[in-house]
N, C-alpha and C. Protein backbone atom coordinates (compact mmCIF):
# COMPACT_ATOMS: atom_id res chain seq x y z
N LEU A 1 23.43 -8.16 18.06
CA LEU A 1 22.46 -7.18 17.58
C LEU A 1 22.31 -6.11 18.64
N ALA A 2 22.36 -4.85 18.23
CA ALA A 2 22.19 -3.73 19.16
C ALA A 2 21.24 -2.72 18.55
N LEU A 3 20.39 -2.17 19.40
CA LEU A 3 19.50 -1.10 19.00
C LEU A 3 20.11 0.21 19.48
N LEU A 4 20.44 1.08 18.54
CA LEU A 4 21.07 2.36 18.86
C LEU A 4 20.14 3.50 18.45
N PRO A 5 20.42 4.73 18.88
CA PRO A 5 19.52 5.84 18.55
C PRO A 5 19.30 6.03 17.05
N TYR A 6 20.26 5.63 16.21
CA TYR A 6 20.11 5.81 14.77
C TYR A 6 19.51 4.58 14.06
N GLY A 7 19.39 3.44 14.74
CA GLY A 7 18.85 2.24 14.12
C GLY A 7 19.45 0.97 14.71
N LEU A 8 19.66 -0.02 13.85
CA LEU A 8 20.18 -1.32 14.28
C LEU A 8 21.62 -1.52 13.84
N LEU A 9 22.38 -2.20 14.68
CA LEU A 9 23.76 -2.56 14.36
C LEU A 9 23.92 -4.04 14.66
N TYR A 10 24.41 -4.80 13.68
CA TYR A 10 24.68 -6.21 13.88
C TYR A 10 26.13 -6.47 13.54
N ARG A 11 26.84 -7.15 14.42
CA ARG A 11 28.24 -7.52 14.18
C ARG A 11 28.34 -9.03 14.21
N THR A 12 28.93 -9.61 13.15
CA THR A 12 29.08 -11.06 13.11
C THR A 12 30.04 -11.51 14.19
N ARG A 13 29.80 -12.67 14.69
CA ARG A 13 30.57 -13.17 15.83
C ARG A 13 32.02 -13.47 15.48
N PHE A 14 32.24 -14.15 14.37
CA PHE A 14 33.60 -14.61 14.07
C PHE A 14 34.35 -13.73 13.08
N LEU A 15 33.68 -13.19 12.08
CA LEU A 15 34.36 -12.38 11.08
C LEU A 15 34.46 -10.91 11.46
N GLY A 16 33.63 -10.47 12.40
CA GLY A 16 33.67 -9.09 12.85
C GLY A 16 33.09 -8.09 11.86
N LYS A 17 32.37 -8.56 10.85
CA LYS A 17 31.73 -7.66 9.89
C LYS A 17 30.53 -6.99 10.54
N GLU A 18 30.30 -5.73 10.16
CA GLU A 18 29.17 -4.98 10.71
C GLU A 18 28.11 -4.73 9.64
N PHE A 19 26.87 -4.76 10.09
CA PHE A 19 25.72 -4.53 9.23
C PHE A 19 24.86 -3.50 9.94
N LYS A 20 24.64 -2.35 9.30
CA LYS A 20 23.87 -1.27 9.92
C LYS A 20 22.58 -1.02 9.14
N ILE A 21 21.49 -0.83 9.87
CA ILE A 21 20.22 -0.45 9.27
C ILE A 21 19.75 0.81 10.01
N SER A 22 19.77 1.93 9.33
CA SER A 22 19.34 3.17 9.99
C SER A 22 17.82 3.19 10.12
N GLY A 23 17.34 3.86 11.14
CA GLY A 23 15.92 3.89 11.43
C GLY A 23 15.07 4.46 10.31
N ASP A 24 15.61 5.39 9.53
CA ASP A 24 14.82 6.03 8.49
C ASP A 24 14.56 5.14 7.28
N VAL A 25 15.28 4.02 7.14
CA VAL A 25 15.03 3.12 6.01
C VAL A 25 14.23 1.87 6.41
N ILE A 26 13.94 1.72 7.69
CA ILE A 26 13.15 0.58 8.16
C ILE A 26 11.69 0.81 7.78
N ARG A 27 11.08 -0.16 7.12
CA ARG A 27 9.69 -0.06 6.68
C ARG A 27 8.73 -0.84 7.58
N ALA A 28 9.18 -1.97 8.13
CA ALA A 28 8.32 -2.78 9.00
C ALA A 28 9.18 -3.74 9.81
N VAL A 29 8.69 -4.11 10.98
CA VAL A 29 9.31 -5.15 11.80
C VAL A 29 8.21 -6.09 12.26
N TYR A 30 8.51 -7.38 12.24
CA TYR A 30 7.52 -8.38 12.62
C TYR A 30 8.22 -9.69 12.92
N VAL A 31 7.48 -10.67 13.38
CA VAL A 31 8.03 -11.98 13.71
C VAL A 31 7.38 -13.01 12.78
N ASP A 32 8.21 -13.87 12.21
CA ASP A 32 7.70 -14.88 11.28
C ASP A 32 8.68 -16.05 11.21
N LYS A 33 8.26 -17.12 10.52
CA LYS A 33 9.11 -18.29 10.29
C LYS A 33 9.57 -18.39 8.84
N ILE A 34 9.13 -17.47 7.99
CA ILE A 34 9.45 -17.51 6.56
C ILE A 34 10.34 -16.31 6.21
N LEU A 35 11.46 -16.56 5.57
CA LEU A 35 12.36 -15.51 5.12
C LEU A 35 12.64 -15.70 3.64
N LYS A 36 12.22 -14.75 2.83
CA LYS A 36 12.44 -14.79 1.38
C LYS A 36 11.96 -16.10 0.78
N GLY A 37 10.81 -16.57 1.25
CA GLY A 37 10.20 -17.78 0.71
C GLY A 37 10.72 -19.08 1.28
N LYS A 38 11.66 -19.02 2.20
CA LYS A 38 12.22 -20.24 2.79
C LYS A 38 11.82 -20.36 4.25
N LYS A 39 11.46 -21.56 4.67
CA LYS A 39 11.05 -21.82 6.04
C LYS A 39 12.27 -21.87 6.95
N LEU A 40 12.19 -21.17 8.09
CA LEU A 40 13.31 -21.12 9.03
C LEU A 40 13.21 -22.18 10.13
N TYR A 41 12.04 -22.76 10.35
CA TYR A 41 11.79 -23.77 11.39
C TYR A 41 11.86 -23.20 12.80
N GLN A 42 11.93 -21.89 12.92
CA GLN A 42 11.86 -21.21 14.21
C GLN A 42 11.44 -19.77 13.94
N TYR A 43 10.89 -19.13 14.94
CA TYR A 43 10.50 -17.74 14.77
C TYR A 43 11.72 -16.82 14.83
N ALA A 44 11.69 -15.78 14.01
CA ALA A 44 12.75 -14.77 14.00
C ALA A 44 12.12 -13.40 13.79
N MET A 45 12.79 -12.37 14.26
CA MET A 45 12.33 -11.01 14.05
C MET A 45 12.78 -10.58 12.65
N MET A 46 11.84 -10.14 11.85
CA MET A 46 12.12 -9.70 10.48
C MET A 46 12.12 -8.18 10.43
N VAL A 47 13.07 -7.64 9.72
CA VAL A 47 13.16 -6.19 9.54
C VAL A 47 13.16 -5.92 8.04
N ARG A 48 12.09 -5.30 7.54
CA ARG A 48 12.02 -4.88 6.13
C ARG A 48 12.59 -3.48 6.04
N PHE A 49 13.50 -3.26 5.08
CA PHE A 49 14.18 -1.97 4.95
C PHE A 49 14.57 -1.73 3.50
N ILE A 50 14.96 -0.51 3.21
CA ILE A 50 15.45 -0.15 1.88
C ILE A 50 16.98 -0.19 1.94
N ASN A 51 17.59 -1.02 1.09
CA ASN A 51 19.04 -1.18 1.13
C ASN A 51 19.76 -0.05 0.39
N ALA A 52 21.07 -0.10 0.34
CA ALA A 52 21.88 0.96 -0.26
C ALA A 52 21.59 1.16 -1.75
N GLU A 53 21.11 0.11 -2.42
CA GLU A 53 20.78 0.21 -3.84
C GLU A 53 19.37 0.75 -4.07
N GLY A 54 18.65 1.04 -2.97
CA GLY A 54 17.28 1.56 -3.09
C GLY A 54 16.23 0.49 -3.28
N ILE A 55 16.58 -0.76 -3.03
CA ILE A 55 15.67 -1.89 -3.20
C ILE A 55 15.23 -2.38 -1.83
N GLU A 56 13.93 -2.74 -1.73
CA GLU A 56 13.45 -3.26 -0.44
C GLU A 56 14.08 -4.61 -0.17
N ASP A 57 14.57 -4.79 1.04
CA ASP A 57 15.25 -6.02 1.46
C ASP A 57 14.70 -6.42 2.82
N ILE A 58 15.12 -7.58 3.30
CA ILE A 58 14.66 -8.05 4.60
C ILE A 58 15.82 -8.76 5.31
N ALA A 59 15.90 -8.56 6.61
CA ALA A 59 16.90 -9.23 7.43
C ALA A 59 16.17 -9.93 8.57
N ALA A 60 16.70 -11.07 9.01
CA ALA A 60 16.08 -11.83 10.10
C ALA A 60 17.07 -11.96 11.25
N PHE A 61 16.54 -11.82 12.47
CA PHE A 61 17.35 -11.93 13.67
C PHE A 61 16.60 -12.76 14.70
N ARG A 62 17.27 -13.71 15.30
CA ARG A 62 16.68 -14.47 16.39
C ARG A 62 17.00 -13.72 17.68
N VAL A 63 15.95 -13.23 18.34
CA VAL A 63 16.13 -12.40 19.53
C VAL A 63 15.26 -12.91 20.67
N PRO A 64 15.70 -12.71 21.91
CA PRO A 64 14.83 -13.02 23.04
C PRO A 64 13.80 -11.89 23.18
N TYR A 65 12.65 -12.18 23.72
CA TYR A 65 11.61 -11.19 23.98
C TYR A 65 11.26 -10.36 22.74
N PRO A 66 10.78 -10.98 21.68
CA PRO A 66 10.51 -10.24 20.43
C PRO A 66 9.51 -9.11 20.58
N LYS A 67 8.52 -9.22 21.48
CA LYS A 67 7.56 -8.13 21.64
C LYS A 67 8.26 -6.85 22.08
N GLN A 68 9.21 -6.96 23.00
CA GLN A 68 9.95 -5.79 23.46
C GLN A 68 10.84 -5.22 22.35
N TRP A 69 11.46 -6.08 21.57
CA TRP A 69 12.28 -5.63 20.45
C TRP A 69 11.43 -4.86 19.44
N LEU A 70 10.25 -5.41 19.11
CA LEU A 70 9.38 -4.74 18.14
C LEU A 70 9.00 -3.35 18.62
N LYS A 71 8.62 -3.24 19.88
CA LYS A 71 8.23 -1.93 20.42
C LYS A 71 9.40 -0.95 20.41
N ALA A 72 10.57 -1.42 20.78
CA ALA A 72 11.74 -0.54 20.84
C ALA A 72 12.15 -0.07 19.44
N ILE A 73 12.16 -0.96 18.48
CA ILE A 73 12.53 -0.60 17.11
C ILE A 73 11.50 0.36 16.53
N GLU A 74 10.23 0.06 16.81
CA GLU A 74 9.15 0.93 16.36
C GLU A 74 9.36 2.36 16.87
N LYS A 75 9.76 2.49 18.12
CA LYS A 75 9.98 3.80 18.73
C LYS A 75 11.18 4.51 18.10
N VAL A 76 12.29 3.80 17.96
CA VAL A 76 13.51 4.39 17.39
C VAL A 76 13.32 4.77 15.92
N ALA A 77 12.68 3.88 15.14
CA ALA A 77 12.52 4.11 13.71
C ALA A 77 11.32 5.01 13.41
N GLY A 78 10.45 5.22 14.39
CA GLY A 78 9.28 6.06 14.17
C GLY A 78 8.25 5.43 13.25
N ILE A 79 8.16 4.10 13.28
CA ILE A 79 7.18 3.41 12.45
C ILE A 79 6.12 2.77 13.34
N ASN A 80 5.01 2.41 12.76
CA ASN A 80 3.99 1.70 13.50
C ASN A 80 3.42 0.56 12.66
N GLN A 81 4.27 -0.08 11.89
CA GLN A 81 3.85 -1.17 11.03
C GLN A 81 4.35 -2.51 11.54
N THR A 82 4.17 -2.76 12.81
CA THR A 82 4.57 -4.05 13.35
C THR A 82 3.39 -5.00 13.30
N LYS A 83 3.68 -6.28 13.15
CA LYS A 83 2.66 -7.31 13.19
C LYS A 83 2.70 -7.99 14.54
N ALA A 84 1.61 -8.61 14.92
CA ALA A 84 1.55 -9.29 16.21
C ALA A 84 2.56 -10.42 16.26
N VAL A 85 3.08 -10.66 17.44
CA VAL A 85 4.03 -11.75 17.64
C VAL A 85 3.24 -13.03 17.79
N PRO A 86 3.51 -14.06 16.96
CA PRO A 86 2.77 -15.31 17.09
C PRO A 86 3.08 -16.03 18.39
N GLU A 87 2.11 -16.75 18.89
CA GLU A 87 2.32 -17.55 20.10
C GLU A 87 3.21 -18.74 19.74
N ARG A 88 4.10 -19.08 20.61
CA ARG A 88 4.99 -20.23 20.38
C ARG A 88 4.18 -21.52 20.43
N ASN A 89 4.50 -22.42 19.53
CA ASN A 89 3.82 -23.72 19.53
C ASN A 89 4.79 -24.85 19.34
């Protein structure tokens, strides 16, 4: 996962496929354990965005230092709709 001036870039480790989310389509970033109604059993950074079909979608990424990621994405995407990072338990 990389944060670039235009948004986020994710490249799969083995297949080499790329997934790009431009900053202008990001609607919110937050940390949670639930993705699309399914429990993940660990915290992940969630990115809500509008996909190529114009439908709101969500992607999850396990990242170190989620507070710093949220602030950085917020700055690049120009949004301020982040939720507090839950304390680890």
